[in-house]
């Protein structure tokens, strides 16, 4: 059996999960999109806090240990919400891939130029 396109499969799986819990990202008006982008931003903020708690960030506390397994789980949780947000914005796996490739090129160009000034127009084509 041929391996599926992994990013497309993640998007398919997330769409199925969202539909199962009653979130249809295909049928949202602007108000619903706004609500769900904010919901997903808040959820990702919480997941980032949980990821932060997986590493010993309290330099004054000696009891903390790096919990790499939990950190990995939190990264996956972030992907769930990030893919959902992309879907709210009408982005497919192909859209995300193509935008990533373009933005990656911009980031390399910024590094090559020394990135001494912010150019708000360098990403408008993405």
PDB file of N, CA and C in Angstrom:
ATOM      1  N   UNK A   1       0.839  -1.187   0.000  1.00  0.00           N
ATOM      2  CA  UNK A   1       0.000   0.000   0.000  1.00  0.00           C
ATOM      3  C   UNK A   1       0.878   1.242   0.000  1.00  0.00           C
ATOM      4  N   UNK A   2       0.525   2.215  -0.801  1.00  0.00           N
ATOM      5  CA  UNK A   2       1.267   3.462  -0.901  1.00  0.00           C
ATOM      6  C   UNK A   2       1.027   4.326   0.338  1.00  0.00           C
ATOM      7  N   UNK A   3       2.078   5.008   0.793  1.00  0.00           N
ATOM      8  CA  UNK A   3       1.935   5.914   1.930  1.00  0.00           C
ATOM      9  C   UNK A   3       1.128   7.143   1.512  1.00  0.00           C
ATOM     10  N   UNK A   4       0.168   7.555   2.329  1.00  0.00           N
ATOM     11  CA  UNK A   4      -0.606   8.756   1.989  1.00  0.00           C
ATOM     12  C   UNK A   4       0.260   9.998   2.182  1.00  0.00           C
ATOM     13  N   UNK A   5      -0.117  11.078   1.515  1.00  0.00           N
ATOM     14  CA  UNK A   5       0.518  12.360   1.771  1.00  0.00           C
ATOM     15  C   UNK A   5       0.230  12.705   3.233  1.00  0.00           C
ATOM     16  N   UNK A   6       1.266  12.819   4.015  1.00  0.00           N
ATOM     17  CA  UNK A   6       1.080  12.936   5.458  1.00  0.00           C
ATOM     18  C   UNK A   6       0.379  14.223   5.884  1.00  0.00           C
ATOM     19  N   UNK A   7       0.723  15.346   5.269  1.00  0.00           N
ATOM     20  CA  UNK A   7       0.063  16.594   5.651  1.00  0.00           C
ATOM     21  C   UNK A   7      -1.411  16.564   5.255  1.00  0.00           C
ATOM     22  N   UNK A   8      -1.702  16.075   4.069  1.00  0.00           N
ATOM     23  CA  UNK A   8      -3.107  15.966   3.655  1.00  0.00           C
ATOM     24  C   UNK A   8      -3.873  15.030   4.585  1.00  0.00           C
ATOM     25  N   UNK A   9      -3.231  13.968   5.013  1.00  0.00           N
ATOM     26  CA  UNK A   9      -3.892  13.024   5.926  1.00  0.00           C
ATOM     27  C   UNK A   9      -4.187  13.680   7.264  1.00  0.00           C
ATOM     28  N   UNK A  10      -3.257  14.477   7.771  1.00  0.00           N
ATOM     29  CA  UNK A  10      -3.517  15.205   9.024  1.00  0.00           C
ATOM     30  C   UNK A  10      -4.720  16.133   8.866  1.00  0.00           C
ATOM     31  N   UNK A  11      -4.792  16.820   7.752  1.00  0.00           N
ATOM     32  CA  UNK A  11      -5.931  17.719   7.506  1.00  0.00           C
ATOM     33  C   UNK A  11      -7.227  16.920   7.415  1.00  0.00           C
ATOM     34  N   UNK A  12      -7.203  15.769   6.761  1.00  0.00           N
ATOM     35  CA  UNK A  12      -8.396  14.925   6.659  1.00  0.00           C
ATOM     36  C   UNK A  12      -8.844  14.465   8.037  1.00  0.00           C
ATOM     37  N   UNK A  13      -7.896  13.997   8.824  1.00  0.00           N
ATOM     38  CA  UNK A  13      -8.210  13.502  10.165  1.00  0.00           C
ATOM     39  C   UNK A  13      -8.761  14.619  11.057  1.00  0.00           C
ATOM     40  N   UNK A  14      -8.186  15.816  10.959  1.00  0.00           N
ATOM     41  CA  UNK A  14      -8.656  16.919  11.793  1.00  0.00           C
ATOM     42  C   UNK A  14     -10.052  17.356  11.390  1.00  0.00           C
ATOM     43  N   UNK A  15     -10.313  17.379  10.083  1.00  0.00           N
ATOM     44  CA  UNK A  15     -11.663  17.724   9.629  1.00  0.00           C
ATOM     45  C   UNK A  15     -12.679  16.726  10.196  1.00  0.00           C
ATOM     46  N   UNK A  16     -12.351  15.434  10.162  1.00  0.00           N
ATOM     47  CA  UNK A  16     -13.253  14.409  10.699  1.00  0.00           C
ATOM     48  C   UNK A  16     -13.472  14.604  12.193  1.00  0.00           C
ATOM     49  N   UNK A  17     -12.412  14.910  12.940  1.00  0.00           N
ATOM     50  CA  UNK A  17     -12.555  15.137  14.378  1.00  0.00           C
ATOM     51  C   UNK A  17     -13.405  16.368  14.647  1.00  0.00           C
ATOM     52  N   UNK A  18     -13.140  17.444  13.913  1.00  0.00           N
ATOM     53  CA  UNK A  18     -13.935  18.661  14.113  1.00  0.00           C
ATOM     54  C   UNK A  18     -15.411  18.416  13.834  1.00  0.00           C
ATOM     55  N   UNK A  19     -15.705  17.708  12.746  1.00  0.00           N
ATOM     56  CA  UNK A  19     -17.107  17.410  12.433  1.00  0.00           C
ATOM     57  C   UNK A  19     -17.736  16.558  13.525  1.00  0.00           C
ATOM     58  N   UNK A  20     -16.974  15.632  14.067  1.00  0.00           N
ATOM     59  CA  UNK A  20     -17.504  14.763  15.129  1.00  0.00           C
ATOM     60  C   UNK A  20     -17.887  15.558  16.376  1.00  0.00           C
ATOM     61  N   UNK A  21     -17.128  16.621  16.655  1.00  0.00           N
ATOM     62  CA  UNK A  21     -17.445  17.437  17.836  1.00  0.00           C
ATOM     63  C   UNK A  21     -18.326  18.636  17.497  1.00  0.00           C
ATOM     64  N   UNK A  22     -18.820  18.677  16.249  1.00  0.00           N
ATOM     65  CA  UNK A  22     -19.797  19.693  15.874  1.00  0.00           C
ATOM     66  C   UNK A  22     -19.219  20.986  15.329  1.00  0.00           C
ATOM     67  N   UNK A  23     -17.984  20.966  14.867  1.00  0.00           N
ATOM     68  CA  UNK A  23     -17.374  22.176  14.300  1.00  0.00           C
ATOM     69  C   UNK A  23     -17.178  21.940  12.803  1.00  0.00           C
ATOM     70  N   UNK A  24     -18.007  22.615  12.003  1.00  0.00           N
ATOM     71  CA  UNK A  24     -17.924  22.491  10.549  1.00  0.00           C
ATOM     72  C   UNK A  24     -17.244  23.735   9.999  1.00  0.00           C
ATOM     73  N   UNK A  25     -15.956  23.631   9.747  1.00  0.00           N
ATOM     74  CA  UNK A  25     -15.192  24.797   9.299  1.00  0.00           C
ATOM     75  C   UNK A  25     -15.557  25.228   7.884  1.00  0.00           C
ATOM     76  N   UNK A  26     -16.241  24.382   7.135  1.00  0.00           N
ATOM     77  CA  UNK A  26     -16.637  24.729   5.764  1.00  0.00           C
ATOM     78  C   UNK A  26     -17.867  25.630   5.718  1.00  0.00           C
ATOM     79  N   UNK A  27     -18.639  25.682   6.781  1.00  0.00           N
ATOM     80  CA  UNK A  27     -19.921  26.384   6.758  1.00  0.00           C
ATOM     81  C   UNK A  27     -19.942  27.615   7.653  1.00  0.00           C
ATOM     82  N   UNK A  28     -18.793  28.233   7.881  1.00  0.00           N
ATOM     83  CA  UNK A  28     -18.725  29.355   8.809  1.00  0.00           C
ATOM     84  C   UNK A  28     -18.835  30.691   8.090  1.00  0.00           C
ATOM     85  N   UNK A  29     -19.653  31.576   8.677  1.00  0.00           N
ATOM     86  CA  UNK A  29     -19.666  32.956   8.190  1.00  0.00           C
ATOM     87  C   UNK A  29     -18.532  33.721   8.892  1.00  0.00           C
ATOM     88  N   UNK A  30     -18.394  34.997   8.599  1.00  0.00           N
ATOM     89  CA  UNK A  30     -17.277  35.761   9.143  1.00  0.00           C
ATOM     90  C   UNK A  30     -17.292  35.808  10.674  1.00  0.00           C
ATOM     91  N   UNK A  31     -18.464  35.933  11.267  1.00  0.00           N
ATOM     92  CA  UNK A  31     -18.555  35.973  12.725  1.00  0.00           C
ATOM     93  C   UNK A  31     -18.099  34.653  13.343  1.00  0.00           C
ATOM     94  N   UNK A  32     -18.520  33.533  12.740  1.00  0.00           N
ATOM     95  CA  UNK A  32     -18.094  32.220  13.249  1.00  0.00           C
ATOM     96  C   UNK A  32     -16.595  32.021  13.055  1.00  0.00           C
ATOM     97  N   UNK A  33     -16.066  32.450  11.904  1.00  0.00           N
ATOM     98  CA  UNK A  33     -14.631  32.346  11.681  1.00  0.00           C
ATOM     99  C   UNK A  33     -13.862  33.130  12.733  1.00  0.00           C
ATOM    100  N   UNK A  34     -14.323  34.341  13.003  1.00  0.00           N
ATOM    101  CA  UNK A  34     -13.674  35.176  14.020  1.00  0.00           C
ATOM    102  C   UNK A  34     -13.684  34.477  15.374  1.00  0.00           C
ATOM    103  N   UNK A  35     -14.831  33.944  15.740  1.00  0.00           N
ATOM    104  CA  UNK A  35     -14.973  33.232  17.010  1.00  0.00           C
ATOM    105  C   UNK A  35     -14.007  32.058  17.093  1.00  0.00           C
ATOM    106  N   UNK A  36     -13.936  31.257  16.018  1.00  0.00           N
ATOM    107  CA  UNK A  36     -13.116  30.054  16.069  1.00  0.00           C
ATOM    108  C   UNK A  36     -11.626  30.341  15.943  1.00  0.00           C
ATOM    109  N   UNK A  37     -11.252  31.373  15.203  1.00  0.00           N
ATOM    110  CA  UNK A  37      -9.827  31.749  15.190  1.00  0.00           C
ATOM    111  C   UNK A  37      -9.408  32.146  16.600  1.00  0.00           C
ATOM    112  N   UNK A  38     -10.241  32.931  17.276  1.00  0.00           N
ATOM    113  CA  UNK A  38      -9.928  33.304  18.665  1.00  0.00           C
ATOM    114  C   UNK A  38      -9.921  32.087  19.583  1.00  0.00           C
ATOM    115  N   UNK A  39     -10.882  31.190  19.433  1.00  0.00           N
ATOM    116  CA  UNK A  39     -10.894  29.963  20.240  1.00  0.00           C
ATOM    117  C   UNK A  39      -9.601  29.181  20.056  1.00  0.00           C
ATOM    118  N   UNK A  40      -9.183  29.015  18.806  1.00  0.00           N
ATOM    119  CA  UNK A  40      -7.976  28.236  18.547  1.00  0.00           C
ATOM    120  C   UNK A  40      -6.714  28.963  19.014  1.00  0.00           C
ATOM    121  N   UNK A  41      -6.691  30.285  18.894  1.00  0.00           N
ATOM    122  CA  UNK A  41      -5.544  31.039  19.444  1.00  0.00           C
ATOM    123  C   UNK A  41      -5.440  30.842  20.951  1.00  0.00           C
ATOM    124  N   UNK A  42      -6.565  30.922  21.627  1.00  0.00           N
ATOM    125  CA  UNK A  42      -6.560  30.715  23.085  1.00  0.00           C
ATOM    126  C   UNK A  42      -6.141  29.290  23.442  1.00  0.00           C
ATOM    127  N   UNK A  43      -6.655  28.326  22.702  1.00  0.00           N
ATOM    128  CA  UNK A  43      -6.299  26.932  22.963  1.00  0.00           C
ATOM    129  C   UNK A  43      -4.801  26.713  22.733  1.00  0.00           C
ATOM    130  N   UNK A  44      -4.268  27.300  21.666  1.00  0.00           N
ATOM    131  CA  UNK A  44      -2.829  27.140  21.401  1.00  0.00           C
ATOM    132  C   UNK A  44      -1.996  27.838  22.462  1.00  0.00           C
ATOM    133  N   UNK A  45      -2.490  28.963  22.966  1.00  0.00           N
ATOM    134  CA  UNK A  45      -1.788  29.629  24.069  1.00  0.00           C
ATOM    135  C   UNK A  45      -1.704  28.725  25.289  1.00  0.00           C
ATOM    136  N   UNK A  46      -2.780  28.031  25.586  1.00  0.00           N
ATOM    137  CA  UNK A  46      -2.788  27.101  26.711  1.00  0.00           C
ATOM    138  C   UNK A  46      -1.844  25.929  26.458  1.00  0.00           C
ATOM    139  N   UNK A  47      -1.872  25.416  25.230  1.00  0.00           N
ATOM    140  CA  UNK A  47      -0.963  24.316  24.898  1.00  0.00           C
ATOM    141  C   UNK A  47       0.493  24.765  24.975  1.00  0.00           C
ATOM    142  N   UNK A  48       0.768  26.010  24.599  1.00  0.00           N
ATOM    143  CA  UNK A  48       2.127  26.535  24.730  1.00  0.00           C
ATOM    144  C   UNK A  48       2.536  26.596  26.200  1.00  0.00           C
ATOM    145  N   UNK A  49       1.607  26.980  27.065  1.00  0.00           N
ATOM    146  CA  UNK A  49       1.902  27.003  28.499  1.00  0.00           C
ATOM    147  C   UNK A  49       2.182  25.590  29.002  1.00  0.00           C
ATOM    148  N   UNK A  50       1.409  24.616  28.530  1.00  0.00           N
ATOM    149  CA  UNK A  50       1.638  23.233  28.933  1.00  0.00           C
ATOM    150  C   UNK A  50       2.978  22.721  28.396  1.00  0.00           C
ATOM    151  N   UNK A  51       3.338  23.139  27.199  1.00  0.00           N
ATOM    152  CA  UNK A  51       4.650  22.780  26.643  1.00  0.00           C
ATOM    153  C   UNK A  51       5.763  23.403  27.483  1.00  0.00           C
ATOM    154  N   UNK A  52       5.582  24.649  27.844  1.00  0.00           N
ATOM    155  CA  UNK A  52       6.563  25.335  28.696  1.00  0.00           C
ATOM    156  C   UNK A  52       6.740  24.611  30.020  1.00  0.00           C
ATOM    157  N   UNK A  53       5.648  24.107  30.568  1.00  0.00           N
ATOM    158  CA  UNK A  53       5.725  23.381  31.839  1.00  0.00           C
ATOM    159  C   UNK A  53       6.410  22.021  31.708  1.00  0.00           C
ATOM    160  N   UNK A  54       6.662  21.588  30.471  1.00  0.00           N
ATOM    161  CA  UNK A  54       7.377  20.329  30.247  1.00  0.00           C
ATOM    162  C   UNK A  54       8.887  20.488  30.367  1.00  0.00           C
ATOM    163  N   UNK A  55       9.334  21.707  30.407  1.00  0.00           N
ATOM    164  CA  UNK A  55      10.776  21.971  30.522  1.00  0.00           C
ATOM    165  C   UNK A  55      11.043  22.684  31.850  1.00  0.00           C
ATOM    166  N   UNK A  56      12.213  22.464  32.431  1.00  0.00           N
ATOM    167  CA  UNK A  56      12.528  23.084  33.731  1.00  0.00           C
ATOM    168  C   UNK A  56      12.864  24.566  33.578  1.00  0.00           C
ATOM    169  N   UNK A  57      11.819  25.398  33.498  1.00  0.00           N
ATOM    170  CA  UNK A  57      12.027  26.816  33.270  1.00  0.00           C
ATOM    171  C   UNK A  57      12.232  27.606  34.574  1.00  0.00           C
ATOM    172  N   UNK A  58      11.915  27.008  35.690  1.00  0.00           N
ATOM    173  CA  UNK A  58      12.121  27.683  36.984  1.00  0.00           C
ATOM    174  C   UNK A  58      13.567  27.455  37.414  1.00  0.00           C
ATOM    175  N   UNK A  59      14.439  28.388  37.090  1.00  0.00           N
ATOM    176  CA  UNK A  59      15.860  28.214  37.383  1.00  0.00           C
ATOM    177  C   UNK A  59      16.140  28.106  38.874  1.00  0.00           C
ATOM    178  N   UNK A  60      15.201  28.547  39.712  1.00  0.00           N
ATOM    179  CA  UNK A  60      15.388  28.493  41.159  1.00  0.00           C
ATOM    180  C   UNK A  60      14.892  27.185  41.768  1.00  0.00           C
ATOM    181  N   UNK A  61      14.179  26.369  40.976  1.00  0.00           N
ATOM    182  CA  UNK A  61      13.600  25.121  41.491  1.00  0.00           C
ATOM    183  C   UNK A  61      14.478  23.943  41.083  1.00  0.00           C
ATOM    184  N   UNK A  62      14.865  23.153  42.034  1.00  0.00           N
ATOM    185  CA  UNK A  62      15.760  22.023  41.758  1.00  0.00           C
ATOM    186  C   UNK A  62      15.011  20.727  41.451  1.00  0.00           C
ATOM    187  N   UNK A  63      13.687  20.713  41.685  1.00  0.00           N
ATOM    188  CA  UNK A  63      12.924  19.478  41.530  1.00  0.00           C
ATOM    189  C   UNK A  63      12.493  19.211  40.091  1.00  0.00           C
ATOM    190  N   UNK A  64      12.587  20.196  39.226  1.00  0.00           N
ATOM    191  CA  UNK A  64      12.060  20.048  37.881  1.00  0.00           C
ATOM    192  C   UNK A  64      12.927  19.152  37.005  1.00  0.00           C
ATOM    193  N   UNK A  65      12.259  18.435  36.131  1.00  0.00           N
ATOM    194  CA  UNK A  65      12.921  17.583  35.153  1.00  0.00           C
ATOM    195  C   UNK A  65      12.323  17.872  33.778  1.00  0.00           C
ATOM    196  N   UNK A  66      13.118  17.705  32.744  1.00  0.00           N
ATOM    197  CA  UNK A  66      12.645  17.852  31.373  1.00  0.00           C
ATOM    198  C   UNK A  66      11.780  16.646  31.037  1.00  0.00           C
ATOM    199  N   UNK A  67      10.523  16.891  30.688  1.00  0.00           N
ATOM    200  CA  UNK A  67       9.579  15.831  30.336  1.00  0.00           C
ATOM    201  C   UNK A  67       9.399  15.820  28.819  1.00  0.00           C
ATOM    202  N   UNK A  68      10.348  15.178  28.141  1.00  0.00           N
ATOM    203  CA  UNK A  68      10.350  15.197  26.677  1.00  0.00           C
ATOM    204  C   UNK A  68       9.111  14.533  26.093  1.00  0.00           C
ATOM    205  N   UNK A  69       8.641  13.463  26.692  1.00  0.00           N
ATOM    206  CA  UNK A  69       7.447  12.786  26.178  1.00  0.00           C
ATOM    207  C   UNK A  69       6.237  13.708  26.231  1.00  0.00           C
ATOM    208  N   UNK A  70       6.042  14.402  27.346  1.00  0.00           N
ATOM    209  CA  UNK A  70       4.919  15.325  27.434  1.00  0.00           C
ATOM    210  C   UNK A  70       5.090  16.496  26.475  1.00  0.00           C
ATOM    211  N   UNK A  71       6.328  16.968  26.311  1.00  0.00           N
ATOM    212  CA  UNK A  71       6.584  18.055  25.356  1.00  0.00           C
ATOM    213  C   UNK A  71       6.154  17.639  23.952  1.00  0.00           C
ATOM    214  N   UNK A  72       6.435  16.416  23.585  1.00  0.00           N
ATOM    215  CA  UNK A  72       6.026  15.914  22.263  1.00  0.00           C
ATOM    216  C   UNK A  72       4.508  15.889  22.125  1.00  0.00           C
ATOM    217  N   UNK A  73       3.820  15.467  23.170  1.00  0.00           N
ATOM    218  CA  UNK A  73       2.356  15.437  23.145  1.00  0.00           C
ATOM    219  C   UNK A  73       1.797  16.849  22.986  1.00  0.00           C
ATOM    220  N   UNK A  74       2.389  17.802  23.677  1.00  0.00           N
ATOM    221  CA  UNK A  74       1.913  19.188  23.582  1.00  0.00           C
ATOM    222  C   UNK A  74       2.134  19.752  22.183  1.00  0.00           C
ATOM    223  N   UNK A  75       3.239  19.397  21.537  1.00  0.00           N
ATOM    224  CA  UNK A  75       3.480  19.826  20.156  1.00  0.00           C
ATOM    225  C   UNK A  75       2.387  19.271  19.238  1.00  0.00           C
ATOM    226  N   UNK A  76       2.018  18.025  19.443  1.00  0.00           N
ATOM    227  CA  UNK A  76       0.958  17.419  18.638  1.00  0.00           C
ATOM    228  C   UNK A  76      -0.378  18.115  18.913  1.00  0.00           C
ATOM    229  N   UNK A  77      -0.643  18.442  20.170  1.00  0.00           N
ATOM    230  CA  UNK A  77      -1.864  19.193  20.489  1.00  0.00           C
ATOM    231  C   UNK A  77      -1.887  20.523  19.739  1.00  0.00           C
ATOM    232  N   UNK A  78      -0.745  21.186  19.664  1.00  0.00           N
ATOM    233  CA  UNK A  78      -0.657  22.446  18.914  1.00  0.00           C
ATOM    234  C   UNK A  78      -1.015  22.231  17.446  1.00  0.00           C
ATOM    235  N   UNK A  79      -0.541  21.128  16.874  1.00  0.00           N
ATOM    236  CA  UNK A  79      -0.878  20.833  15.476  1.00  0.00           C
ATOM    237  C   UNK A  79      -2.382  20.674  15.289  1.00  0.00           C
ATOM    238  N   UNK A  80      -3.058  20.018  16.231  1.00  0.00           N
ATOM    239  CA  UNK A  80      -4.511  19.871  16.121  1.00  0.00           C
ATOM    240  C   UNK A  80      -5.182  21.232  15.969  1.00  0.00           C
ATOM    241  N   UNK A  81      -4.830  22.147  16.850  1.00  0.00           N
ATOM    242  CA  UNK A  81      -5.469  23.460  16.822  1.00  0.00           C
ATOM    243  C   UNK A  81      -5.013  24.293  15.625  1.00  0.00           C
ATOM    244  N   UNK A  82      -3.756  24.187  15.261  1.00  0.00           N
ATOM    245  CA  UNK A  82      -3.241  24.957  14.129  1.00  0.00           C
ATOM    246  C   UNK A  82      -3.889  24.500  12.822  1.00  0.00           C
ATOM    247  N   UNK A  83      -4.037  23.206  12.645  1.00  0.00           N
ATOM    248  CA  UNK A  83      -4.708  22.694  11.443  1.00  0.00           C
ATOM    249  C   UNK A  83      -6.165  23.125  11.430  1.00  0.00           C
ATOM    250  N   UNK A  84      -6.814  23.071  12.582  1.00  0.00           N
ATOM    251  CA  UNK A  84      -8.202  23.530  12.661  1.00  0.00           C
ATOM    252  C   UNK A  84      -8.307  25.002  12.269  1.00  0.00           C
ATOM    253  N   UNK A  85      -7.372  25.818  12.749  1.00  0.00           N
ATOM    254  CA  UNK A  85      -7.411  27.238  12.411  1.00  0.00           C
ATOM    255  C   UNK A  85      -7.193  27.437  10.910  1.00  0.00           C
ATOM    256  N   UNK A  86      -6.265  26.698  10.331  1.00  0.00           N
ATOM    257  CA  UNK A  86      -6.042  26.789   8.894  1.00  0.00           C
ATOM    258  C   UNK A  86      -7.326  26.444   8.147  1.00  0.00           C
ATOM    259  N   UNK A  87      -8.039  25.441   8.617  1.00  0.00           N
ATOM    260  CA  UNK A  87      -9.276  25.044   7.965  1.00  0.00           C
ATOM    261  C   UNK A  87     -10.358  26.111   8.119  1.00  0.00           C
ATOM    262  N   UNK A  88     -10.418  26.760   9.267  1.00  0.00           N
ATOM    263  CA  UNK A  88     -11.356  27.870   9.442  1.00  0.00           C
ATOM    264  C   UNK A  88     -11.074  28.958   8.408  1.00  0.00           C
ATOM    265  N   UNK A  89      -9.798  29.182   8.138  1.00  0.00           N
ATOM    266  CA  UNK A  89      -9.392  30.215   7.179  1.00  0.00           C
ATOM    267  C   UNK A  89      -9.472  29.738   5.735  1.00  0.00           C
ATOM    268  N   UNK A  90     -10.008  28.532   5.530  1.00  0.00           N
ATOM    269  CA  UNK A  90     -10.199  28.017   4.186  1.00  0.00           C
ATOM    270  C   UNK A  90      -8.944  27.463   3.548  1.00  0.00           C
ATOM    271  N   UNK A  91      -7.938  27.149   4.367  1.00  0.00           N
ATOM    272  CA  UNK A  91      -6.672  26.643   3.837  1.00  0.00           C
ATOM    273  C   UNK A  91      -6.657  25.120   3.826  1.00  0.00           C
ATOM    274  N   UNK A  92      -6.230  24.580   2.714  1.00  0.00           N
ATOM    275  CA  UNK A  92      -6.025  23.148   2.598  1.00  0.00           C
ATOM    276  C   UNK A  92      -4.578  22.823   2.957  1.00  0.00           C
ATOM    277  N   UNK A  93      -4.265  21.545   3.006  1.00  0.00           N
ATOM    278  CA  UNK A  93      -2.882  21.136   3.241  1.00  0.00           C
ATOM    279  C   UNK A  93      -1.976  21.698   2.145  1.00  0.00           C
ATOM    280  N   UNK A  94      -2.453  21.687   0.907  1.00  0.00           N
ATOM    281  CA  UNK A  94      -1.663  22.239  -0.198  1.00  0.00           C
ATOM    282  C   UNK A  94      -1.449  23.737  -0.025  1.00  0.00           C
ATOM    283  N   UNK A  95      -2.481  24.453   0.424  1.00  0.00           N
ATOM    284  CA  UNK A  95      -2.347  25.888   0.660  1.00  0.00           C
ATOM    285  C   UNK A  95      -1.289  26.170   1.722  1.00  0.00           C
ATOM    286  N   UNK A  96      -1.334  25.408   2.811  1.00  0.00           N
ATOM    287  CA  UNK A  96      -0.357  25.594   3.886  1.00  0.00           C
ATOM    288  C   UNK A  96       1.049  25.281   3.379  1.00  0.00           C
ATOM    289  N   UNK A  97       1.195  24.185   2.652  1.00  0.00           N
ATOM    290  CA  UNK A  97       2.508  23.821   2.115  1.00  0.00           C
ATOM    291  C   UNK A  97       3.049  24.925   1.208  1.00  0.00           C
ATOM    292  N   UNK A  98       2.224  25.393   0.279  1.00  0.00           N
ATOM    293  CA  UNK A  98       2.679  26.415  -0.663  1.00  0.00           C
ATOM    294  C   UNK A  98       3.014  27.728   0.042  1.00  0.00           C
ATOM    295  N   UNK A  99       2.213  28.123   1.021  1.00  0.00           N
ATOM    296  CA  UNK A  99       2.507  29.344   1.773  1.00  0.00           C
ATOM    297  C   UNK A  99       3.778  29.176   2.599  1.00  0.00           C
ATOM    298  N   UNK A 100       3.979  27.992   3.156  1.00  0.00           N
ATOM    299  CA  UNK A 100       5.188  27.722   3.935  1.00  0.00           C
ATOM    300  C   UNK A 100       6.437  27.848   3.057  1.00  0.00           C
ATOM    301  N   UNK A 101       6.376  27.270   1.870  1.00  0.00           N
ATOM    302  CA  UNK A 101       7.518  27.333   0.950  1.00  0.00           C
ATOM    303  C   UNK A 101       7.846  28.787   0.620  1.00  0.00           C
ATOM    304  N   UNK A 102       6.825  29.589   0.327  1.00  0.00           N
ATOM    305  CA  UNK A 102       7.044  31.005   0.008  1.00  0.00           C
ATOM    306  C   UNK A 102       7.594  31.769   1.208  1.00  0.00           C
ATOM    307  N   UNK A 103       7.020  31.547   2.377  1.00  0.00           N
ATOM    308  CA  UNK A 103       7.476  32.255   3.578  1.00  0.00           C
ATOM    309  C   UNK A 103       8.887  31.828   3.956  1.00  0.00           C
ATOM    310  N   UNK A 104       9.218  30.548   3.761  1.00  0.00           N
ATOM    311  CA  UNK A 104      10.566  30.061   4.036  1.00  0.00           C
ATOM    312  C   UNK A 104      11.579  30.794   3.153  1.00  0.00           C
ATOM    313  N   UNK A 105      11.230  30.998   1.896  1.00  0.00           N
ATOM    314  CA  UNK A 105      12.120  31.728   0.982  1.00  0.00           C
ATOM    315  C   UNK A 105      12.302  33.168   1.458  1.00  0.00           C
ATOM    316  N   UNK A 106      11.226  33.799   1.922  1.00  0.00           N
ATOM    317  CA  UNK A 106      11.317  35.160   2.464  1.00  0.00           C
ATOM    318  C   UNK A 106      12.243  35.169   3.678  1.00  0.00           C
ATOM    319  N   UNK A 107      12.099  34.198   4.554  1.00  0.00           N
ATOM    320  CA  UNK A 107      12.939  34.146   5.754  1.00  0.00           C
ATOM    321  C   UNK A 107      14.413  33.980   5.394  1.00  0.00           C
ATOM    322  N   UNK A 108      14.708  33.160   4.399  1.00  0.00           N
ATOM    323  CA  UNK A 108      16.097  33.018   3.949  1.00  0.00           C
ATOM    324  C   UNK A 108      16.604  34.328   3.346  1.00  0.00           C
ATOM    325  N   UNK A 109      15.749  34.988   2.568  1.00  0.00           N
ATOM    326  CA  UNK A 109      16.141  36.263   1.970  1.00  0.00           C
ATOM    327  C   UNK A 109      16.424  37.293   3.065  1.00  0.00           C
ATOM    328  N   UNK A 110      15.596  37.306   4.098  1.00  0.00           N
ATOM    329  CA  UNK A 110      15.827  38.220   5.223  1.00  0.00           C
ATOM    330  C   UNK A 110      17.178  37.957   5.877  1.00  0.00           C
ATOM    331  N   UNK A 111      17.511  36.693   6.060  1.00  0.00           N
ATOM    332  CA  UNK A 111      18.797  36.357   6.667  1.00  0.00           C
ATOM    333  C   UNK A 111      19.956  36.744   5.746  1.00  0.00           C
ATOM    334  N   UNK A 112      19.788  36.520   4.453  1.00  0.00           N
ATOM    335  CA  UNK A 112      20.840  36.856   3.491  1.00  0.00           C
ATOM    336  C   UNK A 112      21.094  38.358   3.438  1.00  0.00           C
ATOM    337  N   UNK A 113      20.031  39.150   3.646  1.00  0.00           N
ATOM    338  CA  UNK A 113      20.166  40.607   3.568  1.00  0.00           C
ATOM    339  C   UNK A 113      20.558  41.231   4.898  1.00  0.00           C
ATOM    340  N   UNK A 114      20.642  40.409   5.951  1.00  0.00           N
ATOM    341  CA  UNK A 114      20.974  40.930   7.272  1.00  0.00           C
ATOM    342  C   UNK A 114      19.763  41.328   8.097  1.00  0.00           C
ATOM    343  N   UNK A 115      18.599  41.368   7.477  1.00  0.00           N
ATOM    344  CA  UNK A 115      17.319  41.684   8.128  1.00  0.00           C
ATOM    345  C   UNK A 115      17.460  42.889   9.044  1.00  0.00           C
ATOM    346  N   UNK A 116      17.939  43.981   8.451  1.00  0.00           N
ATOM    347  CA  UNK A 116      18.192  45.207   9.215  1.00  0.00           C
ATOM    348  C   UNK A 116      16.988  46.127   9.290  1.00  0.00           C
ATOM    349  N   UNK A 117      15.975  45.882   8.449  1.00  0.00           N
ATOM    350  CA  UNK A 117      14.773  46.715   8.464  1.00  0.00           C
ATOM    351  C   UNK A 117      13.559  45.846   8.159  1.00  0.00           C
ATOM    352  N   UNK A 118      12.448  46.173   8.795  1.00  0.00           N
ATOM    353  CA  UNK A 118      11.199  45.443   8.565  1.00  0.00           C
ATOM    354  C   UNK A 118      10.576  45.903   7.258  1.00  0.00           C
ATOM    355  N   UNK A 119      10.307  44.963   6.381  1.00  0.00           N
ATOM    356  CA  UNK A 119       9.646  45.246   5.111  1.00  0.00           C
ATOM    357  C   UNK A 119       8.284  44.575   5.147  1.00  0.00           C
ATOM    358  N   UNK A 120       7.241  45.359   5.362  1.00  0.00           N
ATOM    359  CA  UNK A 120       5.895  44.800   5.483  1.00  0.00           C
ATOM    360  C   UNK A 120       5.375  44.218   4.169  1.00  0.00           C
ATOM    361  N   UNK A 121       6.026  44.558   3.077  1.00  0.00           N
ATOM    362  CA  UNK A 121       5.562  44.085   1.774  1.00  0.00           C
ATOM    363  C   UNK A 121       6.227  42.785   1.324  1.00  0.00           C
ATOM    364  N   UNK A 122       7.262  42.322   2.032  1.00  0.00           N
ATOM    365  CA  UNK A 122       7.990  41.160   1.543  1.00  0.00           C
ATOM    366  C   UNK A 122       7.220  39.860   1.680  1.00  0.00           C
ATOM    367  N   UNK A 123       6.114  39.874   2.419  1.00  0.00           N
ATOM    368  CA  UNK A 123       5.315  38.658   2.592  1.00  0.00           C
ATOM    369  C   UNK A 123       3.923  38.774   2.000  1.00  0.00           C
ATOM    370  N   UNK A 124       3.627  39.880   1.367  1.00  0.00           N
ATOM    371  CA  UNK A 124       2.275  40.077   0.842  1.00  0.00           C
ATOM    372  C   UNK A 124       1.918  39.093  -0.271  1.00  0.00           C
ATOM    373  N   UNK A 125       2.892  38.525  -0.956  1.00  0.00           N
ATOM    374  CA  UNK A 125       2.630  37.621  -2.064  1.00  0.00           C
ATOM    375  C   UNK A 125       2.289  36.198  -1.594  1.00  0.00           C
ATOM    376  N   UNK A 126       2.357  35.967  -0.322  1.00  0.00           N
ATOM    377  CA  UNK A 126       2.172  34.604   0.199  1.00  0.00           C
ATOM    378  C   UNK A 126       0.703  34.236   0.265  1.00  0.00           C
TER     379      UNK A 126
END
